[in-house]
Amino acid sequence: MNQRRNTYRAALRREPDAAAPRQAKVARLHTRYVRVTIELDPALPDELTRWVGPPVSALLRFGAAALRPLTSTGTP
């Protein structure tokens, strides 16, 4: 009973990705002379969001801070 409980708890702590590998999206281009296969990782959008998000939000904050004095000195 104790071993079964420990096994159950260990399974709950495991990451869901460890149980099943992710399927890659495959795009194929076949012509008479060229054959190209491109595989995209399904986690690519999450990775891009993680890497691109902070610089983009920093640029937006900088732009808002730069425009704030211009908008506050508008017409009386």
PDB file of N, CA and C in Angstrom:
ATOM      1  N   MET A   1       0.820  -1.191   0.000  1.00  0.00           N
ATOM      2  CA  MET A   1       0.000   0.000   0.000  1.00  0.00           C
ATOM      3  C   MET A   1       0.867   1.259   0.000  1.00  0.00           C
ATOM      4  N   ASN A   2       1.904   1.258   0.808  1.00  0.00           N
ATOM      5  CA  ASN A   2       2.788   2.403   0.909  1.00  0.00           C
ATOM      6  C   ASN A   2       3.536   2.632  -0.400  1.00  0.00           C
ATOM      7  N   GLN A   3       4.002   1.545  -1.033  1.00  0.00           N
ATOM      8  CA  GLN A   3       4.715   1.677  -2.306  1.00  0.00           C
ATOM      9  C   GLN A   3       3.783   2.216  -3.384  1.00  0.00           C
ATOM     10  N   ARG A   4       2.550   1.776  -3.411  1.00  0.00           N
ATOM     11  CA  ARG A   4       1.597   2.244  -4.409  1.00  0.00           C
ATOM     12  C   ARG A   4       1.312   3.738  -4.220  1.00  0.00           C
ATOM     13  N   ARG A   5       1.201   4.186  -2.987  1.00  0.00           N
ATOM     14  CA  ARG A   5       0.980   5.604  -2.705  1.00  0.00           C
ATOM     15  C   ARG A   5       2.184   6.440  -3.147  1.00  0.00           C
ATOM     16  N   ASN A   6       3.394   5.944  -2.868  1.00  0.00           N
ATOM     17  CA  ASN A   6       4.600   6.657  -3.290  1.00  0.00           C
ATOM     18  C   ASN A   6       4.704   6.726  -4.807  1.00  0.00           C
ATOM     19  N   THR A   7       4.341   5.651  -5.488  1.00  0.00           N
ATOM     20  CA  THR A   7       4.370   5.643  -6.950  1.00  0.00           C
ATOM     21  C   THR A   7       3.369   6.641  -7.504  1.00  0.00           C
ATOM     22  N   TYR A   8       2.199   6.708  -6.908  1.00  0.00           N
ATOM     23  CA  TYR A   8       1.166   7.650  -7.341  1.00  0.00           C
ATOM     24  C   TYR A   8       1.634   9.091  -7.135  1.00  0.00           C
ATOM     25  N   ARG A   9       2.227   9.384  -5.998  1.00  0.00           N
ATOM     26  CA  ARG A   9       2.722  10.733  -5.741  1.00  0.00           C
ATOM     27  C   ARG A   9       3.855  11.111  -6.680  1.00  0.00           C
ATOM     28  N   ALA A  10       4.721  10.166  -6.984  1.00  0.00           N
ATOM     29  CA  ALA A  10       5.814  10.442  -7.924  1.00  0.00           C
ATOM     30  C   ALA A  10       5.261  10.727  -9.319  1.00  0.00           C
ATOM     31  N   ALA A  11       4.214  10.019  -9.712  1.00  0.00           N
ATOM     32  CA  ALA A  11       3.599  10.258 -11.015  1.00  0.00           C
ATOM     33  C   ALA A  11       2.956  11.640 -11.081  1.00  0.00           C
ATOM     34  N   LEU A  12       2.402  12.100  -9.982  1.00  0.00           N
ATOM     35  CA  LEU A  12       1.805  13.432  -9.953  1.00  0.00           C
ATOM     36  C   LEU A  12       2.852  14.535 -10.061  1.00  0.00           C
ATOM     37  N   ARG A  13       4.045  14.282  -9.533  1.00  0.00           N
ATOM     38  CA  ARG A  13       5.102  15.289  -9.590  1.00  0.00           C
ATOM     39  C   ARG A  13       5.793  15.364 -10.937  1.00  0.00           C
ATOM     40  N   ARG A  14       5.670  14.294 -11.742  1.00  0.00           N
ATOM     41  CA  ARG A  14       6.308  14.288 -13.052  1.00  0.00           C
ATOM     42  C   ARG A  14       5.697  15.328 -13.954  1.00  0.00           C
ATOM     43  N   GLU A  15       6.513  15.854 -14.859  1.00  0.00           N
ATOM     44  CA  GLU A  15       6.001  16.806 -15.845  1.00  0.00           C
ATOM     45  C   GLU A  15       5.165  16.059 -16.868  1.00  0.00           C
ATOM     46  N   PRO A  16       4.125  16.678 -17.386  1.00  0.00           N
ATOM     47  CA  PRO A  16       3.289  15.991 -18.373  1.00  0.00           C
ATOM     48  C   PRO A  16       4.025  15.706 -19.676  1.00  0.00           C
ATOM     49  N   ASP A  17       5.043  16.503 -20.019  1.00  0.00           N
ATOM     50  CA  ASP A  17       5.786  16.293 -21.263  1.00  0.00           C
ATOM     51  C   ASP A  17       6.650  15.038 -21.208  1.00  0.00           C
ATOM     52  N   ALA A  18       6.987  14.590 -20.004  1.00  0.00           N
ATOM     53  CA  ALA A  18       7.862  13.426 -19.882  1.00  0.00           C
ATOM     54  C   ALA A  18       7.149  12.141 -20.291  1.00  0.00           C
ATOM     55  N   ALA A  19       5.834  12.114 -20.181  1.00  0.00           N
ATOM     56  CA  ALA A  19       5.092  10.901 -20.483  1.00  0.00           C
ATOM     57  C   ALA A  19       4.983  10.642 -21.979  1.00  0.00           C
ATOM     58  N   ALA A  20       4.727  11.685 -22.758  1.00  0.00           N
ATOM     59  CA  ALA A  20       4.539  11.502 -24.199  1.00  0.00           C
ATOM     60  C   ALA A  20       5.337  12.554 -24.966  1.00  0.00           C
ATOM     61  N   PRO A  21       6.128  12.149 -25.943  1.00  0.00           N
ATOM     62  CA  PRO A  21       6.869  13.131 -26.729  1.00  0.00           C
ATOM     63  C   PRO A  21       5.913  13.947 -27.594  1.00  0.00           C
ATOM     64  N   ARG A  22       6.293  15.193 -27.833  1.00  0.00           N
ATOM     65  CA  ARG A  22       5.444  16.067 -28.634  1.00  0.00           C
ATOM     66  C   ARG A  22       5.605  15.733 -30.115  1.00  0.00           C
ATOM     67  N   GLN A  23       4.513  15.842 -30.830  1.00  0.00           N
ATOM     68  CA  GLN A  23       4.537  15.603 -32.267  1.00  0.00           C
ATOM     69  C   GLN A  23       4.975  16.881 -32.968  1.00  0.00           C
ATOM     70  N   ALA A  24       5.927  16.771 -33.873  1.00  0.00           N
ATOM     71  CA  ALA A  24       6.391  17.920 -34.632  1.00  0.00           C
ATOM     72  C   ALA A  24       5.489  18.126 -35.837  1.00  0.00           C
ATOM     73  N   LYS A  25       5.270  19.391 -36.184  1.00  0.00           N
ATOM     74  CA  LYS A  25       4.522  19.710 -37.385  1.00  0.00           C
ATOM     75  C   LYS A  25       5.480  19.613 -38.565  1.00  0.00           C
ATOM     76  N   VAL A  26       5.063  18.905 -39.592  1.00  0.00           N
ATOM     77  CA  VAL A  26       5.927  18.672 -40.742  1.00  0.00           C
ATOM     78  C   VAL A  26       5.309  19.321 -41.961  1.00  0.00           C
ATOM     79  N   ALA A  27       6.116  20.108 -42.667  1.00  0.00           N
ATOM     80  CA  ALA A  27       5.693  20.701 -43.939  1.00  0.00           C
ATOM     81  C   ALA A  27       6.639  20.184 -45.011  1.00  0.00           C
ATOM     82  N   ARG A  28       6.086  19.686 -46.101  1.00  0.00           N
ATOM     83  CA  ARG A  28       6.913  19.120 -47.167  1.00  0.00           C
ATOM     84  C   ARG A  28       6.716  19.908 -48.449  1.00  0.00           C
ATOM     85  N   LEU A  29       7.813  20.140 -49.148  1.00  0.00           N
ATOM     86  CA  LEU A  29       7.782  20.787 -50.448  1.00  0.00           C
ATOM     87  C   LEU A  29       8.471  19.849 -51.427  1.00  0.00           C
ATOM     88  N   HIS A  30       7.726  19.354 -52.387  1.00  0.00           N
ATOM     89  CA  HIS A  30       8.278  18.440 -53.384  1.00  0.00           C
ATOM     90  C   HIS A  30       8.108  19.052 -54.768  1.00  0.00           C
ATOM     91  N   THR A  31       9.203  19.216 -55.433  1.00  0.00           N
ATOM     92  CA  THR A  31       9.169  19.608 -56.841  1.00  0.00           C
ATOM     93  C   THR A  31       9.968  18.565 -57.607  1.00  0.00           C
ATOM     94  N   ARG A  32      10.140  18.811 -58.870  1.00  0.00           N
ATOM     95  CA  ARG A  32      10.850  17.832 -59.688  1.00  0.00           C
ATOM     96  C   ARG A  32      12.308  17.687 -59.262  1.00  0.00           C
ATOM     97  N   TYR A  33      12.925  18.809 -58.869  1.00  0.00           N
ATOM     98  CA  TYR A  33      14.355  18.784 -58.564  1.00  0.00           C
ATOM     99  C   TYR A  33      14.682  18.961 -57.078  1.00  0.00           C
ATOM    100  N   VAL A  34      13.740  19.429 -56.323  1.00  0.00           N
ATOM    101  CA  VAL A  34      14.020  19.757 -54.924  1.00  0.00           C
ATOM    102  C   VAL A  34      13.001  19.075 -54.034  1.00  0.00           C
ATOM    103  N   ARG A  35      13.475  18.527 -52.935  1.00  0.00           N
ATOM    104  CA  ARG A  35      12.601  17.940 -51.934  1.00  0.00           C
ATOM    105  C   ARG A  35      13.055  18.480 -50.575  1.00  0.00           C
ATOM    106  N   VAL A  36      12.166  19.210 -49.909  1.00  0.00           N
ATOM    107  CA  VAL A  36      12.498  19.856 -48.648  1.00  0.00           C
ATOM    108  C   VAL A  36      11.478  19.431 -47.601  1.00  0.00           C
ATOM    109  N   THR A  37      11.960  19.094 -46.421  1.00  0.00           N
ATOM    110  CA  THR A  37      11.089  18.768 -45.297  1.00  0.00           C
ATOM    111  C   THR A  37      11.451  19.691 -44.141  1.00  0.00           C
ATOM    112  N   ILE A  38      10.448  20.378 -43.610  1.00  0.00           N
ATOM    113  CA  ILE A  38      10.657  21.290 -42.495  1.00  0.00           C
ATOM    114  C   ILE A  38       9.833  20.780 -41.323  1.00  0.00           C
ATOM    115  N   GLU A  39      10.482  20.592 -40.175  1.00  0.00           N
ATOM    116  CA  GLU A  39       9.796  20.150 -38.963  1.00  0.00           C
ATOM    117  C   GLU A  39       9.800  21.289 -37.952  1.00  0.00           C
ATOM    118  N   LEU A  40       8.629  21.626 -37.454  1.00  0.00           N
ATOM    119  CA  LEU A  40       8.509  22.677 -36.453  1.00  0.00           C
ATOM    120  C   LEU A  40       8.110  22.072 -35.117  1.00  0.00           C
ATOM    121  N   ASP A  41       8.806  22.498 -34.095  1.00  0.00           N
ATOM    122  CA  ASP A  41       8.491  22.051 -32.741  1.00  0.00           C
ATOM    123  C   ASP A  41       7.182  22.698 -32.303  1.00  0.00           C
ATOM    124  N   PRO A  42       6.228  21.930 -31.753  1.00  0.00           N
ATOM    125  CA  PRO A  42       4.958  22.531 -31.321  1.00  0.00           C
ATOM    126  C   PRO A  42       5.119  23.562 -30.214  1.00  0.00           C
ATOM    127  N   ALA A  43       6.225  23.547 -29.505  1.00  0.00           N
ATOM    128  CA  ALA A  43       6.446  24.512 -28.435  1.00  0.00           C
ATOM    129  C   ALA A  43       7.046  25.810 -28.948  1.00  0.00           C
ATOM    130  N   LEU A  44       7.230  25.937 -30.269  1.00  0.00           N
ATOM    131  CA  LEU A  44       7.864  27.125 -30.835  1.00  0.00           C
ATOM    132  C   LEU A  44       7.128  28.411 -30.485  1.00  0.00           C
ATOM    133  N   PRO A  45       5.792  28.488 -30.591  1.00  0.00           N
ATOM    134  CA  PRO A  45       5.132  29.743 -30.209  1.00  0.00           C
ATOM    135  C   PRO A  45       5.382  30.130 -28.751  1.00  0.00           C
ATOM    136  N   ASP A  46       5.392  29.161 -27.858  1.00  0.00           N
ATOM    137  CA  ASP A  46       5.662  29.462 -26.448  1.00  0.00           C
ATOM    138  C   ASP A  46       7.090  29.958 -26.255  1.00  0.00           C
ATOM    139  N   GLU A  47       8.029  29.346 -26.969  1.00  0.00           N
ATOM    140  CA  GLU A  47       9.430  29.769 -26.866  1.00  0.00           C
ATOM    141  C   GLU A  47       9.601  31.191 -27.393  1.00  0.00           C
ATOM    142  N   LEU A  48       8.969  31.488 -28.533  1.00  0.00           N
ATOM    143  CA  LEU A  48       9.072  32.838 -29.092  1.00  0.00           C
ATOM    144  C   LEU A  48       8.469  33.870 -28.157  1.00  0.00           C
ATOM    145  N   THR A  49       7.340  33.558 -27.578  1.00  0.00           N
ATOM    146  CA  THR A  49       6.705  34.479 -26.641  1.00  0.00           C
ATOM    147  C   THR A  49       7.602  34.715 -25.444  1.00  0.00           C
ATOM    148  N   ARG A  50       8.248  33.655 -24.971  1.00  0.00           N
ATOM    149  CA  ARG A  50       9.123  33.791 -23.802  1.00  0.00           C
ATOM    150  C   ARG A  50      10.344  34.652 -24.100  1.00  0.00           C
ATOM    151  N   TRP A  51      10.921  34.523 -25.312  1.00  0.00           N
ATOM    152  CA  TRP A  51      12.134  35.260 -25.655  1.00  0.00           C
ATOM    153  C   TRP A  51      11.853  36.661 -26.182  1.00  0.00           C
ATOM    154  N   VAL A  52      10.759  36.860 -26.908  1.00  0.00           N
ATOM    155  CA  VAL A  52      10.489  38.138 -27.541  1.00  0.00           C
ATOM    156  C   VAL A  52       9.641  39.039 -26.648  1.00  0.00           C
ATOM    157  N   GLY A  53       8.877  38.461 -25.754  1.00  0.00           N
ATOM    158  CA  GLY A  53       7.973  39.232 -24.914  1.00  0.00           C
ATOM    159  C   GLY A  53       8.635  40.333 -24.096  1.00  0.00           C
ATOM    160  N   PRO A  54       9.669  40.048 -23.315  1.00  0.00           N
ATOM    161  CA  PRO A  54      10.275  41.097 -22.482  1.00  0.00           C
ATOM    162  C   PRO A  54      10.862  42.274 -23.279  1.00  0.00           C
ATOM    163  N   PRO A  55      11.595  42.064 -24.392  1.00  0.00           N
ATOM    164  CA  PRO A  55      12.097  43.228 -25.132  1.00  0.00           C
ATOM    165  C   PRO A  55      10.966  44.070 -25.733  1.00  0.00           C
ATOM    166  N   VAL A  56       9.920  43.421 -26.233  1.00  0.00           N
ATOM    167  CA  VAL A  56       8.811  44.163 -26.811  1.00  0.00           C
ATOM    168  C   VAL A  56       8.094  44.974 -25.740  1.00  0.00           C
ATOM    169  N   SER A  57       7.861  44.395 -24.579  1.00  0.00           N
ATOM    170  CA  SER A  57       7.191  45.144 -23.515  1.00  0.00           C
ATOM    171  C   SER A  57       8.075  46.302 -23.032  1.00  0.00           C
ATOM    172  N   ALA A  58       9.390  46.111 -23.014  1.00  0.00           N
ATOM    173  CA  ALA A  58      10.294  47.207 -22.638  1.00  0.00           C
ATOM    174  C   ALA A  58      10.214  48.339 -23.661  1.00  0.00           C
ATOM    175  N   LEU A  59      10.152  48.008 -24.949  1.00  0.00           N
ATOM    176  CA  LEU A  59      10.015  49.044 -25.972  1.00  0.00           C
ATOM    177  C   LEU A  59       8.694  49.790 -25.830  1.00  0.00           C
ATOM    178  N   LEU A  60       7.632  49.073 -25.527  1.00  0.00           N
ATOM    179  CA  LEU A  60       6.337  49.729 -25.350  1.00  0.00           C
ATOM    180  C   LEU A  60       6.351  50.664 -24.142  1.00  0.00           C
ATOM    181  N   ARG A  61       6.975  50.245 -23.048  1.00  0.00           N
ATOM    182  CA  ARG A  61       7.071  51.117 -21.872  1.00  0.00           C
ATOM    183  C   ARG A  61       7.901  52.363 -22.183  1.00  0.00           C
ATOM    184  N   PHE A  62       9.004  52.194 -22.922  1.00  0.00           N
ATOM    185  CA  PHE A  62       9.850  53.319 -23.292  1.00  0.00           C
ATOM    186  C   PHE A  62       9.090  54.279 -24.193  1.00  0.00           C
ATOM    187  N   GLY A  63       8.346  53.740 -25.171  1.00  0.00           N
ATOM    188  CA  GLY A  63       7.567  54.592 -26.068  1.00  0.00           C
ATOM    189  C   GLY A  63       6.495  55.361 -25.314  1.00  0.00           C
ATOM    190  N   ALA A  64       5.829  54.714 -24.378  1.00  0.00           N
ATOM    191  CA  ALA A  64       4.807  55.404 -23.587  1.00  0.00           C
ATOM    192  C   ALA A  64       5.435  56.499 -22.731  1.00  0.00           C
ATOM    193  N   ALA A  65       6.603  56.222 -22.160  1.00  0.00           N
ATOM    194  CA  ALA A  65       7.272  57.224 -21.336  1.00  0.00           C
ATOM    195  C   ALA A  65       7.749  58.397 -22.190  1.00  0.00           C
ATOM    196  N   ALA A  66       8.182  58.119 -23.418  1.00  0.00           N
ATOM    197  CA  ALA A  66       8.650  59.196 -24.295  1.00  0.00           C
ATOM    198  C   ALA A  66       7.492  60.048 -24.798  1.00  0.00           C
ATOM    199  N   LEU A  67       6.337  59.446 -25.019  1.00  0.00           N
ATOM    200  CA  LEU A  67       5.186  60.196 -25.523  1.00  0.00           C
ATOM    201  C   LEU A  67       4.413  60.924 -24.433  1.00  0.00           C
ATOM    202  N   ARG A  68       4.571  60.523 -23.193  1.00  0.00           N
ATOM    203  CA  ARG A  68       3.824  61.127 -22.094  1.00  0.00           C
ATOM    204  C   ARG A  68       4.065  62.632 -21.986  1.00  0.00           C
ATOM    205  N   PRO A  69       5.312  63.136 -22.037  1.00  0.00           N
ATOM    206  CA  PRO A  69       5.512  64.590 -21.953  1.00  0.00           C
ATOM    207  C   PRO A  69       4.927  65.318 -23.180  1.00  0.00           C
ATOM    208  N   LEU A  70       4.946  64.689 -24.331  1.00  0.00           N
ATOM    209  CA  LEU A  70       4.419  65.340 -25.524  1.00  0.00           C
ATOM    210  C   LEU A  70       2.910  65.497 -25.453  1.00  0.00           C
ATOM    211  N   THR A  71       2.243  64.492 -24.892  1.00  0.00           N
ATOM    212  CA  THR A  71       0.780  64.568 -24.814  1.00  0.00           C
ATOM    213  C   THR A  71       0.327  65.475 -23.667  1.00  0.00           C
ATOM    214  N   SER A  72       1.135  65.621 -22.642  1.00  0.00           N
ATOM    215  CA  SER A  72       0.731  66.462 -21.519  1.00  0.00           C
ATOM    216  C   SER A  72       0.901  67.943 -21.835  1.00  0.00           C
ATOM    217  N   THR A  73       1.732  68.299 -22.820  1.00  0.00           N
ATOM    218  CA  THR A  73       1.930  69.698 -23.197  1.00  0.00           C
ATOM    219  C   THR A  73       1.088  70.064 -24.410  1.00  0.00           C
ATOM    220  N   GLY A  74      -0.037  69.417 -24.547  1.00  0.00           N
ATOM    221  CA  GLY A  74      -0.929  69.662 -25.677  1.00  0.00           C
ATOM    222  C   GLY A  74      -1.549  71.052 -25.623  1.00  0.00           C
ATOM    223  N   THR A  75      -2.590  71.283 -26.386  1.00  0.00           N
ATOM    224  CA  THR A  75      -3.240  72.592 -26.454  1.00  0.00           C
ATOM    225  C   THR A  75      -3.915  72.927 -25.136  1.00  0.00           C
ATOM    226  N   PRO A  76      -3.895  74.198 -24.735  1.00  0.00           N
ATOM    227  CA  PRO A  76      -4.479  74.601 -23.439  1.00  0.00           C
ATOM    228  C   PRO A  76      -5.984  74.618 -23.458  1.00  0.00           C
TER     229      PRO A  76
END
